[in-house]
Amino acid sequence: MPTEQEELTDEQQEGLSERAAPLTNQHASEKGSRDSRSRGSSHFSTDVFRGSSMPFWEDDDEVSNDNVVSPRSGMIQACNLDEMSESDFIDTKKDCNKTSKEIAEIIKQINSLVLFQGYEDKELKSVIGYMYRRKVTKGEVVIKQGDVGDAFFVIRSGKYDCTVMKGGKSTRIRTYEGSGYFGDLALVNHAPRAASITALTDGELWVLNATRYVWLKKNQAVRNAECFERVIRQIPLFSNNLTDSHVNSLIDAIEVLTMHKGDVICRQGEPGDAMYFILDGSVSVLVGGKQVRTMGANEFFGERALVLDEGRAATCSALSDVKLAKLPKESFEMLIPDSVVASMREYVAKAYAKTAQK
């Protein structure tokens, strides 16, 4: 399914790409303090959390994540998302009710959209839960080119034209009928709409407000970080060798990913390039093709890969859908001083020497 950006000509896309800067990894190196992270601060590096894979605004230096686009007006208004709770986003006047069939249909339509990739089913359903039903009438302009985007739309019914005005001439880009989505760029930046969407018939849309999406993403990133921190502080390798500052740096470097049942996470004998922490689900550990143990939430594997240059000691596969926090070796080596790495290497060697003697 083409996105709003993909529907445009090459020339139009070139202009859009400059406004869609959040889709790059330019923010991946940003890191905030632990206090900032616990409050869901805009300085918290959400981009490295692949389950919440992109920042929300074009330039953090110009527009804070604590500012949101005022609906319809196109003006930026102060709105502290950190002080808001879930109830602040529930509008009892709007119809958010959906049947299981409707939820499944929405998931089917948006599943390939990069904005929603990396979500677990329950997380995706949570986002969909905030979508409300909006009736439109024939001839209604749902999106007007040039207006500031404040919402994302999924078609429930009806027929819609997507047009672009250039040089005083309106050009039809495509027509939606009965399904599809548009307005997705509104969820990642506050750039003007790249095209107009007009209803050719009466119909209904599912609408996701951009402010709600930002709030959900910020809170998802904070939950991921807090979960990872609880796990990492229980591991002697880290708690006995790293300062709080080191731990916080590692928290900012993790990548959250979801593996599906049967997926191989790492293979015995292959070079180790990361350590994994299980946030949810279960993992099978096989040595020589035989299962030697299973692991679940709050357990970890691959720690030797961070400090020792050796192949994987086992093959680890997902026994169910698994949510993992991945700590790349490259990030670890960049963030932790050589002297500390040497100390950890010695710690690991002694620990495994004792295990071998038993």
Protein backbone atom coordinates (compact mmCIF):
# COMPACT_ATOMS: atom_id res chain seq x y z
CA MET A 1 0.00 0.00 0.00
CA PRO A 2 1.64 3.28 -1.03
CA THR A 3 2.07 5.90 1.66
CA GLU A 4 1.26 9.57 1.29
CA GLN A 5 4.84 10.24 0.23
CA GLU A 6 5.02 7.35 -2.23
CA GLU A 7 2.00 8.61 -4.14
CA LEU A 8 3.78 11.76 -5.34
CA THR A 9 6.00 12.40 -8.32
CA ASP A 10 9.78 12.19 -8.01
CA GLU A 11 10.03 15.98 -7.93
CA GLN A 12 7.39 16.26 -5.21
CA GLN A 13 8.99 13.48 -3.20
CA GLU A 14 12.32 15.26 -3.33
CA GLY A 15 10.77 18.25 -1.63
CA LEU A 16 9.03 16.03 0.87
CA SER A 17 12.19 14.17 1.81
CA GLU A 18 13.63 17.34 3.30
CA ARG A 19 10.61 17.72 5.54
CA ALA A 20 10.58 14.05 6.47
CA ALA A 21 13.97 14.20 8.18
CA PRO A 22 12.74 12.23 11.22
CA LEU A 23 12.73 9.11 9.06
CA THR A 24 16.53 9.10 9.09
CA ASN A 25 18.74 7.94 11.94
CA GLN A 26 20.07 11.41 12.62
CA HIS A 27 18.78 11.27 16.18
CA ALA A 28 20.14 7.82 16.99
CA SER A 29 23.12 9.23 18.85
CA GLU A 30 21.08 11.50 21.11
CA LYS A 31 21.08 10.43 24.72
CA GLY A 32 19.44 11.99 27.76
CA SER A 33 19.93 11.70 31.49
CA ARG A 34 18.11 9.09 33.57
CA ASP A 35 15.90 11.82 35.01
CA SER A 36 14.93 12.93 31.51
CA ARG A 37 14.14 9.38 30.47
CA SER A 38 11.93 8.65 33.46
CA ARG A 39 9.81 11.66 32.56
CA GLY A 40 9.59 10.71 28.90
CA SER A 41 11.63 13.77 27.96
CA SER A 42 12.01 14.81 24.33
CA HIS A 43 15.75 14.27 24.71
CA PHE A 44 15.27 10.56 25.29
CA SER A 45 16.56 8.74 22.24
CA THR A 46 13.51 6.87 20.99
CA ASP A 47 15.06 6.21 17.61
CA VAL A 48 17.28 3.45 18.94
CA PHE A 49 14.21 1.66 20.23
CA ARG A 50 13.40 -0.11 17.00
CA GLY A 51 9.94 -1.04 18.32
CA SER A 52 9.24 2.68 18.39
CA SER A 53 11.43 3.41 15.49
CA MET A 54 11.46 7.10 14.86
CA PRO A 55 11.50 10.51 16.48
CA PHE A 56 8.42 12.64 16.15
CA TRP A 57 9.57 16.03 15.00
CA GLU A 58 11.77 17.34 12.24
CA ASP A 59 14.35 19.05 14.44
CA ASP A 60 14.52 18.67 18.20
CA ASP A 61 16.46 21.91 18.44
CA GLU A 62 13.65 23.88 16.84
CA VAL A 63 10.53 22.15 18.09
CA SER A 64 10.31 20.32 21.40
CA ASN A 65 8.42 17.04 21.66
CA ASP A 66 6.47 18.82 24.37
CA ASN A 67 4.86 20.97 21.69
CA VAL A 68 2.14 19.55 19.52
CA VAL A 69 0.27 20.72 16.47
CA SER A 70 -3.00 22.37 17.34
CA PRO A 71 -5.82 20.56 15.53
CA ARG A 72 -6.89 22.26 12.29
CA SER A 73 -5.18 25.57 13.11
CA GLY A 74 -1.69 24.61 12.00
CA MET A 75 -0.26 26.50 14.98
CA ILE A 76 2.16 24.97 17.49
CA GLN A 77 0.73 25.17 20.98
CA ALA A 78 2.34 24.33 24.30
CA CYS A 79 1.21 20.91 25.48
CA ASN A 80 3.26 18.99 28.03
CA LEU A 81 2.79 15.35 27.08
CA ASP A 82 4.78 14.26 30.13
CA GLU A 83 2.05 15.56 32.43
CA MET A 84 -0.75 13.88 30.52
CA SER A 85 -2.30 10.53 31.30
CA GLU A 86 -4.26 8.10 29.17
CA SER A 87 -7.57 9.64 30.28
CA ASP A 88 -6.53 12.99 28.75
CA PHE A 89 -6.74 11.40 25.31
CA ILE A 90 -10.10 9.71 25.68
CA ASP A 91 -12.88 11.72 24.05
CA THR A 92 -16.19 10.23 25.09
CA LYS A 93 -17.90 12.21 22.32
CA LYS A 94 -16.08 10.24 19.64
CA ASP A 95 -16.97 6.69 18.62
CA CYS A 96 -13.91 4.49 19.20
CA ASN A 97 -15.86 1.24 19.36
CA LYS A 98 -14.73 -1.47 16.95
CA THR A 99 -15.64 -5.08 16.35
CA SER A 100 -12.91 -7.71 16.29
CA LYS A 101 -13.42 -7.89 12.52
CA GLU A 102 -12.87 -4.15 12.17
CA ILE A 103 -9.71 -4.30 14.30
CA ALA A 104 -8.37 -7.13 12.14
CA GLU A 105 -9.13 -5.14 8.99
CA ILE A 106 -7.30 -2.06 10.30
CA ILE A 107 -4.29 -4.18 11.26
CA LYS A 108 -4.27 -5.73 7.79
CA GLN A 109 -4.24 -2.29 6.18
CA ILE A 110 -1.54 -0.64 8.31
CA ASN A 111 0.67 -3.64 9.05
CA SER A 112 3.10 -2.85 6.24
CA LEU A 113 3.41 0.81 7.22
CA VAL A 114 6.83 1.44 8.77
CA LEU A 115 5.31 3.57 11.54
CA PHE A 116 3.67 0.49 13.02
CA GLN A 117 6.33 -2.12 12.38
CA GLY A 118 7.95 -3.62 15.46
CA TYR A 119 4.75 -3.42 17.49
CA GLU A 120 3.50 -6.48 19.32
CA ASP A 121 -0.14 -7.34 18.63
CA LYS A 122 -1.31 -5.97 21.97
CA GLU A 123 0.61 -2.73 21.42
CA LEU A 124 -0.79 -2.30 17.93
CA LYS A 125 -4.31 -2.97 19.19
CA SER A 126 -3.74 -0.33 21.86
CA VAL A 127 -2.92 2.23 19.17
CA ILE A 128 -5.94 1.16 17.13
CA GLY A 129 -8.07 1.56 20.23
CA TYR A 130 -7.50 5.32 20.04
CA MET A 131 -8.77 5.55 16.47
CA TYR A 132 -12.23 7.05 16.25
CA ARG A 133 -14.89 6.78 13.55
CA ARG A 134 -15.54 9.83 11.38
CA LYS A 135 -18.33 10.10 8.83
CA VAL A 136 -17.65 12.05 5.65
CA THR A 137 -19.99 13.27 2.93
CA LYS A 138 -19.57 13.38 -0.82
CA GLY A 139 -17.45 16.38 -1.84
CA GLU A 140 -15.91 16.86 1.60
CA VAL A 141 -12.23 17.80 1.63
CA VAL A 142 -10.72 15.52 4.26
CA ILE A 143 -7.16 16.79 3.80
CA LYS A 144 -6.19 20.06 2.13
CA GLN A 145 -2.77 20.43 0.53
CA GLY A 146 -0.67 22.93 2.47
CA ASP A 147 -2.52 22.54 5.79
CA VAL A 148 -0.52 21.30 8.77
CA GLY A 149 -1.21 17.60 9.34
CA ASP A 150 -2.73 16.61 12.66
CA ALA A 151 -4.17 13.14 11.99
CA PHE A 152 -3.76 9.83 10.17
CA PHE A 153 -6.69 8.19 8.36
CA VAL A 154 -7.63 4.60 7.56
CA ILE A 155 -10.52 4.09 5.16
CA ARG A 156 -13.50 2.12 6.46
CA SER A 157 -15.75 2.82 3.49
CA GLY A 158 -16.16 5.22 0.60
CA LYS A 159 -14.22 6.47 -2.41
CA TYR A 160 -11.57 9.22 -2.23
CA ASP A 161 -9.43 11.17 -4.68
CA CYS A 162 -5.83 12.14 -3.89
CA THR A 163 -4.83 15.27 -5.83
CA VAL A 164 -1.86 17.64 -5.97
CA MET A 165 -2.11 21.30 -6.97
CA LYS A 166 0.85 22.64 -8.94
CA GLY A 167 1.02 25.76 -11.05
CA GLY A 168 -2.68 26.33 -10.56
CA LYS A 169 -3.50 22.89 -11.98
CA SER A 170 -4.90 19.99 -9.95
CA THR A 171 -3.54 16.55 -10.82
CA ARG A 172 -5.09 13.30 -9.63
CA ILE A 173 -2.40 11.07 -8.08
CA ARG A 174 -4.61 8.12 -7.22
CA THR A 175 -8.07 7.05 -6.09
CA TYR A 176 -8.85 5.05 -2.95
CA GLU A 177 -11.93 2.86 -2.88
CA GLY A 178 -13.10 0.95 0.20
CA SER A 179 -9.66 0.57 1.76
CA GLY A 180 -6.30 2.26 2.19
CA TYR A 181 -4.78 4.92 4.38
CA PHE A 182 -3.44 8.45 4.03
CA GLY A 183 -1.99 11.27 6.12
CA ASP A 184 0.73 9.10 7.68
CA LEU A 185 3.36 11.85 7.55
CA ALA A 186 1.32 13.77 10.14
CA LEU A 187 2.40 11.21 12.73
CA VAL A 188 6.11 11.90 12.33
CA ASN A 189 6.35 15.62 11.61
CA HIS A 190 4.35 18.80 11.41
CA ALA A 191 5.02 19.52 7.74
CA PRO A 192 2.23 20.83 5.51
CA ARG A 193 0.07 18.25 3.78
CA ALA A 194 1.61 17.15 0.48
CA ALA A 195 -1.71 16.46 -1.22
CA SER A 196 -5.45 16.92 -0.91
CA ILE A 197 -7.92 14.11 -0.21
CA THR A 198 -11.53 14.61 -1.30
CA ALA A 199 -14.47 12.26 -0.70
CA LEU A 200 -16.09 11.17 -3.97
CA THR A 201 -18.90 9.42 -2.06
CA ASP A 202 -20.25 9.32 1.45
CA GLY A 203 -18.05 7.16 3.64
CA GLU A 204 -16.39 6.53 6.98
CA LEU A 205 -12.80 6.86 8.18
CA TRP A 206 -10.87 5.68 11.19
CA VAL A 207 -8.87 8.63 12.55
CA LEU A 208 -5.75 8.63 14.74
CA ASN A 209 -4.85 12.00 16.21
CA ALA A 210 -1.12 12.78 15.92
CA THR A 211 -0.90 13.98 19.53
CA ARG A 212 -2.22 10.67 20.81
CA TYR A 213 0.26 8.78 18.65
CA VAL A 214 3.19 10.83 19.99
CA TRP A 215 2.05 10.24 23.57
CA LEU A 216 1.76 6.50 22.98
CA LYS A 217 5.22 6.34 21.40
CA LYS A 218 6.85 8.32 24.19
CA ASN A 219 5.31 6.10 26.82
CA GLN A 220 6.23 2.93 24.93
CA ALA A 221 9.88 4.05 24.83
CA VAL A 222 9.88 4.83 28.55
CA ARG A 223 8.33 1.45 29.39
CA ASN A 224 10.95 -0.31 27.27
CA ALA A 225 13.76 1.55 29.02
CA GLU A 226 12.43 0.87 32.52
CA CYS A 227 11.98 -2.82 31.75
CA PHE A 228 15.51 -3.07 30.37
CA GLU A 229 16.95 -1.24 33.37
CA ARG A 230 15.30 -3.65 35.82
CA VAL A 231 16.89 -6.57 33.98
CA ILE A 232 20.37 -5.11 33.51
CA ARG A 233 20.73 -4.11 37.16
CA GLN A 234 20.09 -7.71 38.22
CA ILE A 235 23.03 -9.04 36.21
CA PRO A 236 26.28 -9.31 38.24
CA LEU A 237 28.39 -8.76 35.12
CA PHE A 238 26.94 -5.25 34.91
CA SER A 239 26.05 -4.40 38.51
CA ASN A 240 29.52 -5.40 39.77
CA ASN A 241 31.47 -3.57 37.08
CA LEU A 242 29.49 -0.61 35.78
CA THR A 243 28.59 2.74 37.31
CA ASP A 244 25.08 4.18 37.08
CA SER A 245 26.35 6.45 34.32
CA HIS A 246 27.56 3.45 32.31
CA VAL A 247 24.26 1.63 32.78
CA ASN A 248 22.26 4.66 31.67
CA SER A 249 24.41 4.98 28.54
CA LEU A 250 23.72 1.34 27.68
CA ILE A 251 19.99 1.83 28.22
CA ASP A 252 20.07 4.57 25.61
CA ALA A 253 21.85 2.24 23.17
CA ILE A 254 19.48 -0.73 23.23
CA GLU A 255 17.33 -1.79 20.32
CA VAL A 256 13.94 -3.32 21.12
CA LEU A 257 12.82 -5.94 18.63
CA THR A 258 10.15 -8.61 18.35
CA MET A 259 10.94 -12.13 17.12
CA HIS A 260 8.25 -14.60 16.14
CA LYS A 261 7.88 -18.23 17.16
CA GLY A 262 10.52 -20.34 15.43
CA ASP A 263 12.81 -17.43 14.57
CA VAL A 264 16.53 -18.07 15.18
CA ILE A 265 18.00 -15.24 17.23
CA CYS A 266 21.63 -16.41 17.11
CA ARG A 267 23.41 -19.56 15.89
CA GLN A 268 26.06 -21.65 17.57
CA GLY A 269 29.52 -20.95 16.16
CA GLU A 270 28.64 -17.63 14.53
CA PRO A 271 30.53 -14.49 15.66
CA GLY A 272 28.82 -12.77 18.57
CA ASP A 273 27.80 -9.21 17.76
CA ALA A 274 25.25 -8.49 20.49
CA MET A 275 23.81 -9.44 23.86
CA TYR A 276 20.08 -10.01 24.33
CA PHE A 277 17.72 -9.41 27.24
CA ILE A 278 14.33 -11.12 27.24
CA LEU A 279 11.57 -8.64 28.05
CA ASP A 280 8.67 -10.95 27.24
CA GLY A 281 8.23 -14.46 25.85
CA SER A 282 10.42 -17.57 25.95
CA VAL A 283 13.62 -18.70 24.22
CA SER A 284 15.03 -22.17 23.56
CA VAL A 285 18.78 -22.76 23.99
CA LEU A 286 20.31 -25.55 21.89
CA VAL A 287 23.85 -26.91 21.93
CA GLY A 288 24.77 -29.31 19.15
CA GLY A 289 21.14 -29.36 18.07
CA LYS A 290 19.89 -30.51 21.50
CA GLN A 291 17.83 -28.28 23.75
CA VAL A 292 19.67 -27.71 27.03
CA ARG A 293 17.37 -25.16 28.63
CA THR A 294 14.67 -22.57 28.10
CA MET A 295 14.69 -18.95 29.19
CA GLY A 296 11.96 -16.42 29.89
CA ALA A 297 11.36 -12.80 30.86
CA ASN A 298 14.15 -11.06 32.80
CA GLU A 299 16.77 -13.56 31.59
CA PHE A 300 19.57 -12.84 29.14
CA PHE A 301 22.05 -14.50 26.81
CA GLY A 302 25.04 -13.63 24.64
CA GLU A 303 26.86 -11.63 27.33
CA ARG A 304 30.20 -13.20 26.42
CA ALA A 305 29.91 -11.65 22.97
CA LEU A 306 30.38 -8.20 24.48
CA VAL A 307 33.80 -8.86 26.01
CA LEU A 308 35.18 -12.01 24.35
CA ASP A 309 36.07 -12.55 20.70
CA GLU A 310 34.59 -16.00 20.24
CA GLY A 311 31.76 -17.74 18.43
CA ARG A 312 28.32 -18.26 19.91
CA ALA A 313 28.25 -21.10 22.43
CA ALA A 314 24.65 -22.03 21.59
CA THR A 315 21.78 -21.51 19.19
CA CYS A 316 18.88 -19.51 20.61
CA SER A 317 15.42 -19.63 19.04
CA ALA A 318 12.06 -18.08 19.90
CA LEU A 319 9.65 -20.56 21.49
CA SER A 320 6.89 -17.96 21.24
CA ASP A 321 6.65 -14.38 20.08
CA VAL A 322 9.51 -12.77 22.01
CA LYS A 323 10.24 -9.15 22.85
CA LEU A 324 13.99 -8.59 23.19
CA ALA A 325 16.31 -5.77 24.13
CA LYS A 326 19.39 -6.02 21.94
CA LEU A 327 22.68 -4.47 23.08
CA PRO A 328 25.05 -4.32 20.08
CA LYS A 329 28.71 -5.04 20.78
CA GLU A 330 29.70 -2.02 18.72
CA SER A 331 27.65 0.31 20.93
CA PHE A 332 28.96 -1.36 24.09
CA GLU A 333 32.59 -0.88 23.04
CA MET A 334 31.95 2.73 22.10
CA LEU A 335 30.24 3.61 25.40
CA ILE A 336 32.24 1.65 27.97
CA PRO A 337 35.91 2.59 28.72
CA ASP A 338 38.57 0.02 27.78
CA SER A 339 39.62 -0.36 31.42
CA VAL A 340 36.08 -1.33 32.41
CA VAL A 341 35.78 -3.74 29.47
CA ALA A 342 39.04 -5.39 30.57
CA SER A 343 37.64 -5.77 34.08
CA MET A 344 34.45 -7.31 32.71
CA ARG A 345 36.45 -9.66 30.48
CA GLU A 346 38.33 -10.91 33.54
CA TYR A 347 35.06 -11.25 35.44
CA VAL A 348 33.52 -13.38 32.66
CA ALA A 349 36.62 -15.57 32.35
CA LYS A 350 36.63 -16.32 36.09
CA ALA A 351 32.89 -16.99 36.17
CA TYR A 352 33.03 -19.48 33.32
CA ALA A 353 36.19 -21.10 34.71
CA LYS A 354 34.29 -21.86 37.92
CA THR A 355 31.39 -23.24 35.91
CA ALA A 356 33.71 -25.52 33.93
CA GLN A 357 35.19 -26.95 37.15
CA LYS A 358 31.80 -28.04 38.46
